[in-house]
Each structure stands twice: as C-alpha cells, then as structure tokens.
Amino acid sequence: LQDPKRSLFGPYLKSPELYLCPSDRSTVVVNGKKKQVVRSYGMNSFLGWEPQARNGDPERYRDLPTMGYRVYRKSSDTMSPGPSQLLTFVEVHSESICRPFFGIAAGRNFFYHVPGNFHDRNTVTAFADGHVEKHKWLDQRTYSPPRTMAWHDHNYTSLNNRDLVWLQERASVRQ
C-alpha cells in the first residue's frame, strides 16, 4: 500500500493503517488463516482513471469511468460540480473491494462497487476540498446487500435507489 510502484501517493503516507477504517472489522481468509482486511476506502473512479473499452467495444462500461462523464485529472478540473461536492474517497464494502478505486456507474441503475456500512447505516466520505462527511444510507439495498450476490460482476442492480443517485451526483458530471 505504500510501494511507489503500486501507489502513487503511498510514499507520502506515514502508515498503511490510513487505508483502514477503525470501525471496519472485516476479515478475509489467506492461506487458511483469517486476517483483517487492509483497506476500507476507494478513490472515486472519475479521479484520474482512464476509460477503457472492454473487448474493443466502447459501449461496454465494465472498465470505469463511464464514458461521456468528466474525468478529473488535476485540481483545476474540479470546478464542476465544485470541490466541496466532488467525492474523492468512499468507504467500500469489504466483499466489493477488488480495484484501487471506488467504481461508480454514472447514469446507470447499478452499483459497480458497493459502498461500506461500518457505522450503523452510515459511511464516511471525503471530498476534493478536503472535508469529510458522515452520510446516512437511506435504502436498505445499499446498507444490506444480498450475501449471495456475485460481488465482482460489478452490476448490483438497484432501481430507484436514492443512495446510488447521491453517489452518482457527487462522482462526476456529463461532459
């Protein structure tokens, strides 16, 4: 997590524990042993990520961010929706973590990554201006997704979910 070959800002961190929410008690099994997860947060996929078509088809949005939405590459790009409204980091459900970003499928009715719920239906989010907020999830499908779902299919459908809309409105804007 601090290796400069794998994490551009890793060398600036004093401790890898910064990636882990103190309330996150999630575990994984590695080589037959239960271990605590190493991170709880993901960076908004619209911050610096390059859109990539899957199998050469630009309409297949499996590799985020969603085409047609702004990707923010430098601080001066964050003027719309504005730094105080632009998500930078979001807590991620431990089963949903697989990439270094928090994927948000803009304009779609599904979660790419499922947000975390480590604080009794609340999550911690950080914004481009540096402030942090606690946000309460309103839809049960957000804070209690089905345990049987295929987490890494990245298409947890959630029609009319106010939480999904809240995330999308703070992730990016149409170009």
N, C-alpha and C. Protein backbone atom coordinates (compact mmCIF):
# COMPACT_ATOMS: atom_id res chain seq x y z
N LEU A 1 0.80 -1.20 0.00
CA LEU A 1 0.00 0.00 0.00
C LEU A 1 0.85 1.27 0.00
N GLN A 2 2.11 1.13 0.34
CA GLN A 2 3.00 2.29 0.32
C GLN A 2 4.08 2.17 -0.75
N ASP A 3 4.07 1.11 -1.51
CA ASP A 3 5.07 0.89 -2.56
C ASP A 3 4.85 1.90 -3.68
N PRO A 4 5.84 2.76 -3.99
CA PRO A 4 5.66 3.77 -5.03
C PRO A 4 5.40 3.18 -6.42
N LYS A 5 5.72 1.93 -6.64
CA LYS A 5 5.42 1.29 -7.93
C LYS A 5 3.95 0.92 -8.06
N ARG A 6 3.25 0.82 -6.92
CA ARG A 6 1.85 0.41 -6.92
C ARG A 6 0.90 1.48 -6.40
N SER A 7 1.42 2.47 -5.72
CA SER A 7 0.59 3.53 -5.13
C SER A 7 1.32 4.85 -5.27
N LEU A 8 0.78 5.73 -6.12
CA LEU A 8 1.46 6.99 -6.38
C LEU A 8 1.61 7.85 -5.13
N PHE A 9 0.63 7.83 -4.24
CA PHE A 9 0.77 8.64 -3.03
C PHE A 9 1.18 7.81 -1.82
N GLY A 10 1.43 6.53 -2.01
CA GLY A 10 1.86 5.67 -0.92
C GLY A 10 3.09 6.17 -0.17
N PRO A 11 4.11 6.65 -0.86
CA PRO A 11 5.31 7.12 -0.15
C PRO A 11 5.06 8.31 0.78
N TYR A 12 3.96 9.03 0.57
CA TYR A 12 3.66 10.19 1.40
C TYR A 12 2.92 9.82 2.69
N LEU A 13 2.47 8.58 2.77
CA LEU A 13 1.72 8.15 3.95
C LEU A 13 2.67 7.63 5.02
N LYS A 14 2.42 7.99 6.24
CA LYS A 14 3.27 7.55 7.34
C LYS A 14 2.96 6.13 7.77
N SER A 15 1.72 5.65 7.46
CA SER A 15 1.30 4.34 7.91
C SER A 15 0.24 3.77 6.96
N PRO A 16 0.32 2.49 6.63
CA PRO A 16 -0.72 1.90 5.77
C PRO A 16 -2.07 1.79 6.47
N GLU A 17 -2.12 1.97 7.79
CA GLU A 17 -3.39 1.92 8.52
C GLU A 17 -4.33 3.05 8.10
N LEU A 18 -3.82 4.07 7.42
CA LEU A 18 -4.68 5.14 6.93
C LEU A 18 -5.72 4.62 5.94
N TYR A 19 -5.44 3.48 5.32
CA TYR A 19 -6.37 2.89 4.36
C TYR A 19 -7.51 2.14 5.04
N LEU A 20 -7.42 1.94 6.35
CA LEU A 20 -8.37 1.10 7.06
C LEU A 20 -9.20 1.91 8.06
N CYS A 21 -10.52 1.83 7.93
CA CYS A 21 -11.41 2.47 8.89
C CYS A 21 -11.31 1.72 10.22
N PRO A 22 -11.13 2.42 11.33
CA PRO A 22 -11.03 1.74 12.62
C PRO A 22 -12.28 0.92 12.97
N SER A 23 -13.42 1.25 12.38
CA SER A 23 -14.66 0.51 12.65
C SER A 23 -14.83 -0.71 11.75
N ASP A 24 -13.97 -0.85 10.75
CA ASP A 24 -14.08 -1.98 9.81
C ASP A 24 -13.45 -3.21 10.45
N ARG A 25 -14.26 -4.18 10.78
CA ARG A 25 -13.80 -5.43 11.40
C ARG A 25 -13.82 -6.59 10.41
N SER A 26 -13.89 -6.28 9.12
CA SER A 26 -13.97 -7.31 8.08
C SER A 26 -12.71 -8.15 8.04
N THR A 27 -12.89 -9.42 7.70
CA THR A 27 -11.75 -10.34 7.58
C THR A 27 -11.80 -11.08 6.26
N VAL A 28 -10.67 -11.62 5.88
CA VAL A 28 -10.53 -12.50 4.72
C VAL A 28 -9.71 -13.70 5.15
N VAL A 29 -9.82 -14.77 4.39
CA VAL A 29 -9.02 -15.95 4.67
C VAL A 29 -7.88 -15.99 3.65
N VAL A 30 -6.65 -16.02 4.15
CA VAL A 30 -5.45 -16.07 3.31
C VAL A 30 -4.64 -17.28 3.76
N ASN A 31 -4.40 -18.20 2.85
CA ASN A 31 -3.65 -19.42 3.17
C ASN A 31 -4.22 -20.14 4.40
N GLY A 32 -5.55 -20.18 4.46
CA GLY A 32 -6.21 -20.88 5.54
C GLY A 32 -6.28 -20.15 6.86
N LYS A 33 -5.80 -18.91 6.90
CA LYS A 33 -5.81 -18.13 8.15
C LYS A 33 -6.68 -16.88 7.97
N LYS A 34 -7.48 -16.58 8.99
CA LYS A 34 -8.32 -15.39 8.97
C LYS A 34 -7.47 -14.17 9.30
N LYS A 35 -7.57 -13.14 8.42
CA LYS A 35 -6.81 -11.90 8.61
C LYS A 35 -7.73 -10.71 8.40
N GLN A 36 -7.43 -9.61 9.07
CA GLN A 36 -8.21 -8.40 8.87
C GLN A 36 -7.90 -7.83 7.49
N VAL A 37 -8.92 -7.25 6.85
CA VAL A 37 -8.70 -6.61 5.56
C VAL A 37 -7.70 -5.46 5.75
N VAL A 38 -7.05 -5.04 4.66
CA VAL A 38 -6.03 -4.00 4.77
C VAL A 38 -6.54 -2.62 4.36
N ARG A 39 -7.71 -2.57 3.72
CA ARG A 39 -8.23 -1.25 3.36
C ARG A 39 -9.75 -1.24 3.36
N SER A 40 -10.27 -0.05 3.60
CA SER A 40 -11.71 0.16 3.68
C SER A 40 -12.20 1.22 2.69
N TYR A 41 -11.28 1.89 2.00
CA TYR A 41 -11.64 3.03 1.17
C TYR A 41 -11.23 2.82 -0.27
N GLY A 42 -11.95 3.49 -1.16
CA GLY A 42 -11.60 3.51 -2.57
C GLY A 42 -11.74 4.93 -3.09
N MET A 43 -10.89 5.29 -4.05
CA MET A 43 -10.94 6.61 -4.64
C MET A 43 -11.97 6.64 -5.77
N ASN A 44 -12.72 7.70 -5.85
CA ASN A 44 -13.71 7.89 -6.91
C ASN A 44 -13.07 7.56 -8.26
N SER A 45 -13.71 6.69 -9.02
CA SER A 45 -13.15 6.23 -10.29
C SER A 45 -13.03 7.33 -11.34
N PHE A 46 -13.68 8.46 -11.13
CA PHE A 46 -13.58 9.57 -12.07
C PHE A 46 -12.39 10.48 -11.78
N LEU A 47 -11.60 10.15 -10.78
CA LEU A 47 -10.42 10.95 -10.45
C LEU A 47 -9.17 10.29 -11.04
N GLY A 48 -8.80 10.73 -12.22
CA GLY A 48 -7.56 10.29 -12.84
C GLY A 48 -7.60 8.98 -13.59
N TRP A 49 -8.69 8.25 -13.53
CA TRP A 49 -8.77 6.94 -14.19
C TRP A 49 -9.02 7.12 -15.68
N GLU A 50 -8.38 6.34 -16.50
CA GLU A 50 -8.58 6.40 -17.95
C GLU A 50 -9.68 5.42 -18.37
N PRO A 51 -10.71 5.90 -19.08
CA PRO A 51 -11.74 4.97 -19.55
C PRO A 51 -11.14 3.94 -20.51
N GLN A 52 -11.60 2.71 -20.38
CA GLN A 52 -11.11 1.65 -21.24
C GLN A 52 -12.29 0.84 -21.75
N ALA A 53 -12.33 0.62 -23.04
CA ALA A 53 -13.38 -0.23 -23.61
C ALA A 53 -13.06 -1.68 -23.32
N ARG A 54 -14.07 -2.48 -23.14
CA ARG A 54 -13.87 -3.91 -22.89
C ARG A 54 -14.08 -4.64 -24.21
N ASN A 55 -13.12 -5.47 -24.56
CA ASN A 55 -13.17 -6.24 -25.80
C ASN A 55 -13.31 -5.33 -27.02
N GLY A 56 -12.75 -4.12 -26.94
CA GLY A 56 -12.77 -3.19 -28.06
C GLY A 56 -14.11 -2.50 -28.26
N ASP A 57 -15.09 -2.74 -27.42
CA ASP A 57 -16.42 -2.16 -27.57
C ASP A 57 -16.60 -1.02 -26.57
N PRO A 58 -16.59 0.26 -27.04
CA PRO A 58 -16.70 1.38 -26.10
C PRO A 58 -18.03 1.46 -25.38
N GLU A 59 -19.04 0.73 -25.83
CA GLU A 59 -20.34 0.75 -25.15
C GLU A 59 -20.37 -0.17 -23.94
N ARG A 60 -19.37 -0.98 -23.75
CA ARG A 60 -19.33 -1.88 -22.60
C ARG A 60 -18.56 -1.20 -21.49
N TYR A 61 -19.27 -0.68 -20.50
CA TYR A 61 -18.70 0.17 -19.47
C TYR A 61 -18.19 -0.61 -18.27
N ARG A 62 -17.64 -1.76 -18.46
CA ARG A 62 -17.17 -2.56 -17.34
C ARG A 62 -15.91 -1.97 -16.73
N ASP A 63 -15.10 -1.35 -17.54
CA ASP A 63 -13.90 -0.69 -17.03
C ASP A 63 -14.22 0.78 -16.90
N LEU A 64 -14.34 1.23 -15.68
CA LEU A 64 -14.79 2.60 -15.41
C LEU A 64 -13.68 3.60 -15.63
N PRO A 65 -13.99 4.87 -15.73
CA PRO A 65 -15.28 5.50 -15.53
C PRO A 65 -16.17 5.44 -16.76
N THR A 66 -17.43 5.75 -16.56
CA THR A 66 -18.42 5.73 -17.63
C THR A 66 -18.06 6.78 -18.67
N MET A 67 -18.04 6.37 -19.91
CA MET A 67 -17.74 7.31 -20.98
C MET A 67 -18.84 8.36 -21.07
N GLY A 68 -18.46 9.59 -21.47
CA GLY A 68 -19.41 10.68 -21.56
C GLY A 68 -19.50 11.52 -20.29
N TYR A 69 -18.76 11.10 -19.24
CA TYR A 69 -18.72 11.84 -18.00
C TYR A 69 -17.30 12.34 -17.77
N ARG A 70 -17.18 13.47 -17.10
CA ARG A 70 -15.89 14.11 -16.88
C ARG A 70 -14.98 13.27 -15.99
N VAL A 71 -13.72 13.18 -16.40
CA VAL A 71 -12.68 12.58 -15.58
C VAL A 71 -11.80 13.72 -15.11
N TYR A 72 -11.55 13.77 -13.81
CA TYR A 72 -10.81 14.86 -13.20
C TYR A 72 -9.35 14.44 -13.06
N ARG A 73 -8.45 15.16 -13.75
CA ARG A 73 -7.04 14.80 -13.75
C ARG A 73 -6.18 15.75 -12.92
N LYS A 74 -6.67 16.95 -12.64
CA LYS A 74 -5.92 17.91 -11.84
C LYS A 74 -6.90 18.76 -11.04
N SER A 75 -6.41 19.42 -10.04
CA SER A 75 -7.27 20.19 -9.12
C SER A 75 -8.14 21.21 -9.84
N SER A 76 -7.59 21.87 -10.85
CA SER A 76 -8.36 22.90 -11.56
C SER A 76 -9.54 22.30 -12.34
N ASP A 77 -9.55 20.99 -12.56
CA ASP A 77 -10.67 20.33 -13.25
C ASP A 77 -11.90 20.18 -12.35
N THR A 78 -11.74 20.37 -11.07
CA THR A 78 -12.82 20.06 -10.12
C THR A 78 -13.83 21.19 -9.93
N MET A 79 -13.86 22.16 -10.81
CA MET A 79 -14.77 23.29 -10.64
C MET A 79 -16.23 22.91 -10.91
N SER A 80 -16.47 21.81 -11.55
CA SER A 80 -17.84 21.34 -11.77
C SER A 80 -17.90 19.86 -11.43
N PRO A 81 -18.57 19.45 -10.38
CA PRO A 81 -19.59 20.14 -9.60
C PRO A 81 -19.04 21.05 -8.51
N GLY A 82 -17.76 21.19 -8.38
CA GLY A 82 -17.15 22.01 -7.34
C GLY A 82 -16.48 21.11 -6.31
N PRO A 83 -15.34 21.53 -5.78
CA PRO A 83 -14.57 20.68 -4.87
C PRO A 83 -15.34 20.26 -3.62
N SER A 84 -16.26 21.07 -3.14
CA SER A 84 -16.99 20.70 -1.92
C SER A 84 -18.08 19.67 -2.20
N GLN A 85 -18.36 19.41 -3.47
CA GLN A 85 -19.38 18.43 -3.85
C GLN A 85 -18.81 17.22 -4.59
N LEU A 86 -17.50 17.21 -4.85
CA LEU A 86 -16.89 16.13 -5.61
C LEU A 86 -16.26 15.09 -4.69
N LEU A 87 -16.80 13.88 -4.71
CA LEU A 87 -16.28 12.79 -3.89
C LEU A 87 -14.85 12.45 -4.28
N THR A 88 -14.01 12.23 -3.30
CA THR A 88 -12.68 11.70 -3.57
C THR A 88 -12.58 10.27 -3.06
N PHE A 89 -12.92 10.05 -1.77
CA PHE A 89 -12.83 8.71 -1.19
C PHE A 89 -14.16 8.30 -0.58
N VAL A 90 -14.46 7.02 -0.71
CA VAL A 90 -15.69 6.44 -0.19
C VAL A 90 -15.32 5.13 0.50
N GLU A 91 -15.99 4.82 1.61
CA GLU A 91 -15.81 3.51 2.22
C GLU A 91 -16.43 2.46 1.30
N VAL A 92 -15.75 1.33 1.19
CA VAL A 92 -16.18 0.26 0.28
C VAL A 92 -16.50 -0.99 1.10
N HIS A 93 -17.61 -1.63 0.75
CA HIS A 93 -17.97 -2.91 1.40
C HIS A 93 -16.81 -3.88 1.19
N SER A 94 -16.42 -4.57 2.24
CA SER A 94 -15.23 -5.43 2.17
C SER A 94 -15.32 -6.51 1.10
N GLU A 95 -16.50 -7.00 0.81
CA GLU A 95 -16.65 -8.02 -0.24
C GLU A 95 -16.54 -7.43 -1.64
N SER A 96 -16.72 -6.12 -1.75
CA SER A 96 -16.75 -5.47 -3.05
C SER A 96 -15.39 -4.92 -3.48
N ILE A 97 -14.44 -4.85 -2.57
CA ILE A 97 -13.12 -4.30 -2.90
C ILE A 97 -12.38 -5.24 -3.85
N CYS A 98 -11.93 -4.69 -4.96
CA CYS A 98 -11.14 -5.51 -5.88
C CYS A 98 -10.15 -4.66 -6.68
N ARG A 99 -10.39 -3.39 -6.78
CA ARG A 99 -9.54 -2.50 -7.54
C ARG A 99 -9.15 -1.33 -6.65
N PRO A 100 -8.21 -0.50 -7.10
CA PRO A 100 -7.79 0.61 -6.24
C PRO A 100 -8.77 1.79 -6.25
N PHE A 101 -9.89 1.67 -6.95
CA PHE A 101 -10.85 2.75 -7.00
C PHE A 101 -12.21 2.30 -6.48
N PHE A 102 -13.09 3.30 -6.25
CA PHE A 102 -14.49 3.03 -5.96
C PHE A 102 -15.24 3.33 -7.25
N GLY A 103 -15.67 2.27 -7.93
CA GLY A 103 -16.35 2.42 -9.21
C GLY A 103 -17.77 2.89 -9.05
N ILE A 104 -18.11 3.92 -9.82
CA ILE A 104 -19.48 4.43 -9.85
C ILE A 104 -19.92 4.44 -11.30
N ALA A 105 -20.99 3.73 -11.61
CA ALA A 105 -21.52 3.66 -12.96
C ALA A 105 -22.47 4.84 -13.15
N ALA A 106 -21.96 5.94 -13.68
CA ALA A 106 -22.74 7.16 -13.83
C ALA A 106 -23.91 6.94 -14.78
N GLY A 107 -25.07 7.45 -14.38
CA GLY A 107 -26.24 7.37 -15.23
C GLY A 107 -26.83 5.97 -15.39
N ARG A 108 -26.38 5.04 -14.60
CA ARG A 108 -26.85 3.65 -14.68
C ARG A 108 -27.56 3.27 -13.39
N ASN A 109 -28.35 2.22 -13.43
CA ASN A 109 -29.11 1.78 -12.25
C ASN A 109 -28.47 0.61 -11.54
N PHE A 110 -27.16 0.64 -11.41
CA PHE A 110 -26.49 -0.43 -10.68
C PHE A 110 -25.24 0.10 -9.99
N PHE A 111 -24.87 -0.60 -8.92
CA PHE A 111 -23.62 -0.32 -8.23
C PHE A 111 -22.52 -1.09 -8.93
N TYR A 112 -21.40 -0.45 -9.18
CA TYR A 112 -20.21 -1.14 -9.66
C TYR A 112 -19.49 -1.71 -8.44
N HIS A 113 -19.18 -0.84 -7.50
CA HIS A 113 -18.71 -1.25 -6.17
C HIS A 113 -19.79 -0.86 -5.17
N VAL A 114 -19.95 -1.67 -4.15
CA VAL A 114 -20.95 -1.41 -3.12
C VAL A 114 -20.28 -0.62 -2.00
N PRO A 115 -20.91 0.49 -1.57
CA PRO A 115 -20.27 1.28 -0.52
C PRO A 115 -20.28 0.57 0.83
N GLY A 116 -19.38 1.02 1.69
CA GLY A 116 -19.27 0.45 3.03
C GLY A 116 -20.38 0.91 3.96
N ASN A 117 -20.50 0.17 5.03
CA ASN A 117 -21.52 0.45 6.03
C ASN A 117 -20.94 0.04 7.39
N PHE A 118 -19.93 0.75 7.83
CA PHE A 118 -19.22 0.38 9.06
C PHE A 118 -19.71 1.15 10.29
N HIS A 119 -20.68 2.04 10.08
CA HIS A 119 -21.09 2.94 11.16
C HIS A 119 -22.61 2.98 11.30
N ASP A 120 -23.24 1.82 11.44
CA ASP A 120 -24.68 1.74 11.64
C ASP A 120 -25.47 2.52 10.59
N ARG A 121 -25.42 2.03 9.37
CA ARG A 121 -26.10 2.63 8.21
C ARG A 121 -25.48 3.94 7.76
N ASN A 122 -24.32 4.27 8.25
CA ASN A 122 -23.61 5.48 7.85
C ASN A 122 -22.30 5.09 7.21
N THR A 123 -21.80 6.00 6.40
CA THR A 123 -20.50 5.81 5.78
C THR A 123 -19.72 7.10 5.87
N VAL A 124 -18.42 7.02 5.70
CA VAL A 124 -17.57 8.20 5.69
C VAL A 124 -17.15 8.47 4.25
N THR A 125 -17.29 9.72 3.85
CA THR A 125 -16.89 10.14 2.51
C THR A 125 -15.99 11.35 2.61
N ALA A 126 -15.04 11.47 1.68
CA ALA A 126 -14.15 12.62 1.64
C ALA A 126 -14.36 13.33 0.31
N PHE A 127 -14.14 14.63 0.30
CA PHE A 127 -14.40 15.46 -0.87
C PHE A 127 -13.14 16.19 -1.31
N ALA A 128 -13.17 16.69 -2.55
CA ALA A 128 -11.99 17.29 -3.17
C ALA A 128 -11.49 18.54 -2.44
N ASP A 129 -12.35 19.21 -1.69
CA ASP A 129 -11.88 20.38 -0.94
C ASP A 129 -11.24 19.99 0.39
N GLY A 130 -11.20 18.70 0.69
CA GLY A 130 -10.54 18.20 1.89
C GLY A 130 -11.47 17.90 3.05
N HIS A 131 -12.74 18.26 2.97
CA HIS A 131 -13.64 17.98 4.09
C HIS A 131 -14.14 16.54 4.02
N VAL A 132 -14.54 16.04 5.17
CA VAL A 132 -15.03 14.67 5.32
C VAL A 132 -16.44 14.75 5.89
N GLU A 133 -17.32 13.88 5.41
CA GLU A 133 -18.69 13.85 5.90
C GLU A 133 -19.09 12.42 6.27
N LYS A 134 -20.00 12.35 7.21
CA LYS A 134 -20.67 11.09 7.51
C LYS A 134 -22.00 11.16 6.75
N HIS A 135 -22.30 10.12 5.98
CA HIS A 135 -23.54 10.10 5.20
C HIS A 135 -24.36 8.89 5.60
N LYS A 136 -25.64 9.10 5.85
CA LYS A 136 -26.54 8.01 6.24
C LYS A 136 -27.20 7.42 5.00
N TRP A 137 -27.05 6.11 4.84
CA TRP A 137 -27.71 5.41 3.73
C TRP A 137 -29.20 5.31 4.02
N LEU A 138 -30.01 5.54 3.01
CA LEU A 138 -31.46 5.56 3.16
C LEU A 138 -32.12 4.28 2.66
N ASP A 139 -31.51 3.62 1.71
CA ASP A 139 -32.11 2.44 1.08
C ASP A 139 -31.47 1.17 1.63
N GLN A 140 -32.28 0.25 2.09
CA GLN A 140 -31.77 -0.99 2.67
C GLN A 140 -30.88 -1.77 1.70
N ARG A 141 -31.12 -1.66 0.41
CA ARG A 141 -30.30 -2.37 -0.58
C ARG A 141 -28.86 -1.87 -0.58
N THR A 142 -28.64 -0.65 -0.08
CA THR A 142 -27.29 -0.10 0.00
C THR A 142 -26.57 -0.63 1.23
N TYR A 143 -27.19 -0.56 2.38
CA TYR A 143 -26.51 -0.95 3.61
C TYR A 143 -26.67 -2.41 3.96
N SER A 144 -27.49 -3.14 3.21
CA SER A 144 -27.66 -4.57 3.47
C SER A 144 -27.82 -5.34 2.17
N PRO A 145 -26.79 -5.34 1.31
CA PRO A 145 -26.90 -6.05 0.04
C PRO A 145 -26.99 -7.56 0.26
N PRO A 146 -27.55 -8.30 -0.70
CA PRO A 146 -27.68 -9.75 -0.52
C PRO A 146 -26.31 -10.43 -0.40
N ARG A 147 -26.19 -11.33 0.55
CA ARG A 147 -24.92 -12.03 0.76
C ARG A 147 -24.59 -12.99 -0.38
N THR A 148 -25.59 -13.38 -1.13
CA THR A 148 -25.38 -14.38 -2.19
C THR A 148 -24.99 -13.77 -3.53
N MET A 149 -24.90 -12.46 -3.60
CA MET A 149 -24.60 -11.86 -4.91
C MET A 149 -23.16 -12.12 -5.35
N ALA A 150 -22.95 -12.01 -6.66
CA ALA A 150 -21.60 -12.14 -7.23
C ALA A 150 -20.97 -10.75 -7.17
N TRP A 151 -20.20 -10.50 -6.13
CA TRP A 151 -19.67 -9.17 -5.85
C TRP A 151 -18.85 -8.59 -7.00
N HIS A 152 -18.13 -9.42 -7.71
CA HIS A 152 -17.21 -8.90 -8.72
C HIS A 152 -17.76 -8.96 -10.13
N ASP A 153 -19.08 -9.15 -10.24
CA ASP A 153 -19.72 -8.95 -11.54
C ASP A 153 -19.92 -7.46 -11.79
N HIS A 154 -19.87 -6.67 -10.73
CA HIS A 154 -19.96 -5.21 -10.80
C HIS A 154 -21.24 -4.73 -11.47
N ASN A 155 -22.33 -5.36 -11.13
CA ASN A 155 -23.61 -4.93 -11.69
C ASN A 155 -24.76 -5.21 -10.72
N TYR A 156 -24.61 -4.76 -9.50
CA TYR A 156 -25.64 -4.93 -8.48
C TYR A 156 -26.75 -3.94 -8.79
N THR A 157 -27.79 -4.41 -9.48
CA THR A 157 -28.90 -3.57 -9.90
C THR A 157 -29.67 -3.07 -8.69
N SER A 158 -30.00 -1.77 -8.71
CA SER A 158 -30.71 -1.16 -7.60
C SER A 158 -31.54 0.00 -8.14
N LEU A 159 -32.65 -0.33 -8.77
CA LEU A 159 -33.52 0.68 -9.38
C LEU A 159 -34.08 1.63 -8.33
N ASN A 160 -34.16 2.91 -8.69
CA ASN A 160 -34.74 3.94 -7.83
C ASN A 160 -34.11 3.99 -6.44
N ASN A 161 -32.82 3.77 -6.37
CA ASN A 161 -32.11 3.80 -5.10
C ASN A 161 -31.55 5.22 -4.90
N ARG A 162 -32.05 5.92 -3.89
CA ARG A 162 -31.63 7.30 -3.62
C ARG A 162 -30.15 7.38 -3.26
N ASP A 163 -29.62 6.34 -2.64
CA ASP A 163 -28.20 6.33 -2.28
C ASP A 163 -27.32 6.25 -3.52
N LEU A 164 -27.72 5.44 -4.47
CA LEU A 164 -26.97 5.33 -5.72
C LEU A 164 -26.97 6.67 -6.44
N VAL A 165 -28.12 7.34 -6.50
CA VAL A 165 -28.21 8.66 -7.12
C VAL A 165 -27.32 9.65 -6.38
N TRP A 166 -27.32 9.61 -5.04
CA TRP A 166 -26.48 10.50 -4.24
C TRP A 166 -25.00 10.34 -4.62
N LEU A 167 -24.55 9.10 -4.74
CA LEU A 167 -23.15 8.84 -5.13
C LEU A 167 -22.87 9.35 -6.53
N GLN A 168 -23.77 9.05 -7.46
CA GLN A 168 -23.57 9.46 -8.85
C GLN A 168 -23.50 10.97 -9.00
N GLU A 169 -24.34 11.69 -8.26
CA GLU A 169 -24.36 13.16 -8.35
C GLU A 169 -23.06 13.77 -7.82
N ARG A 170 -22.33 13.06 -7.01
CA ARG A 170 -21.10 13.58 -6.43
C ARG A 170 -19.83 12.97 -7.05
N ALA A 171 -20.01 12.10 -8.03
CA ALA A 171 -18.88 11.44 -8.65
C ALA A 171 -18.37 12.19 -9.89
N SER A 172 -19.29 12.71 -10.69
CA SER A 172 -18.90 13.37 -11.93
C SER A 172 -20.10 14.09 -12.53
N VAL A 173 -19.85 14.78 -13.64
CA VAL A 173 -20.91 15.44 -14.40
C VAL A 173 -20.74 15.04 -15.87
N ARG A 174 -21.82 15.16 -16.62
CA ARG A 174 -21.74 14.89 -18.07
C ARG A 174 -20.77 15.87 -18.72
N GLN A 175 -20.07 15.40 -19.73
CA GLN A 175 -19.13 16.28 -20.45
C GLN A 175 -19.89 17.19 -21.37
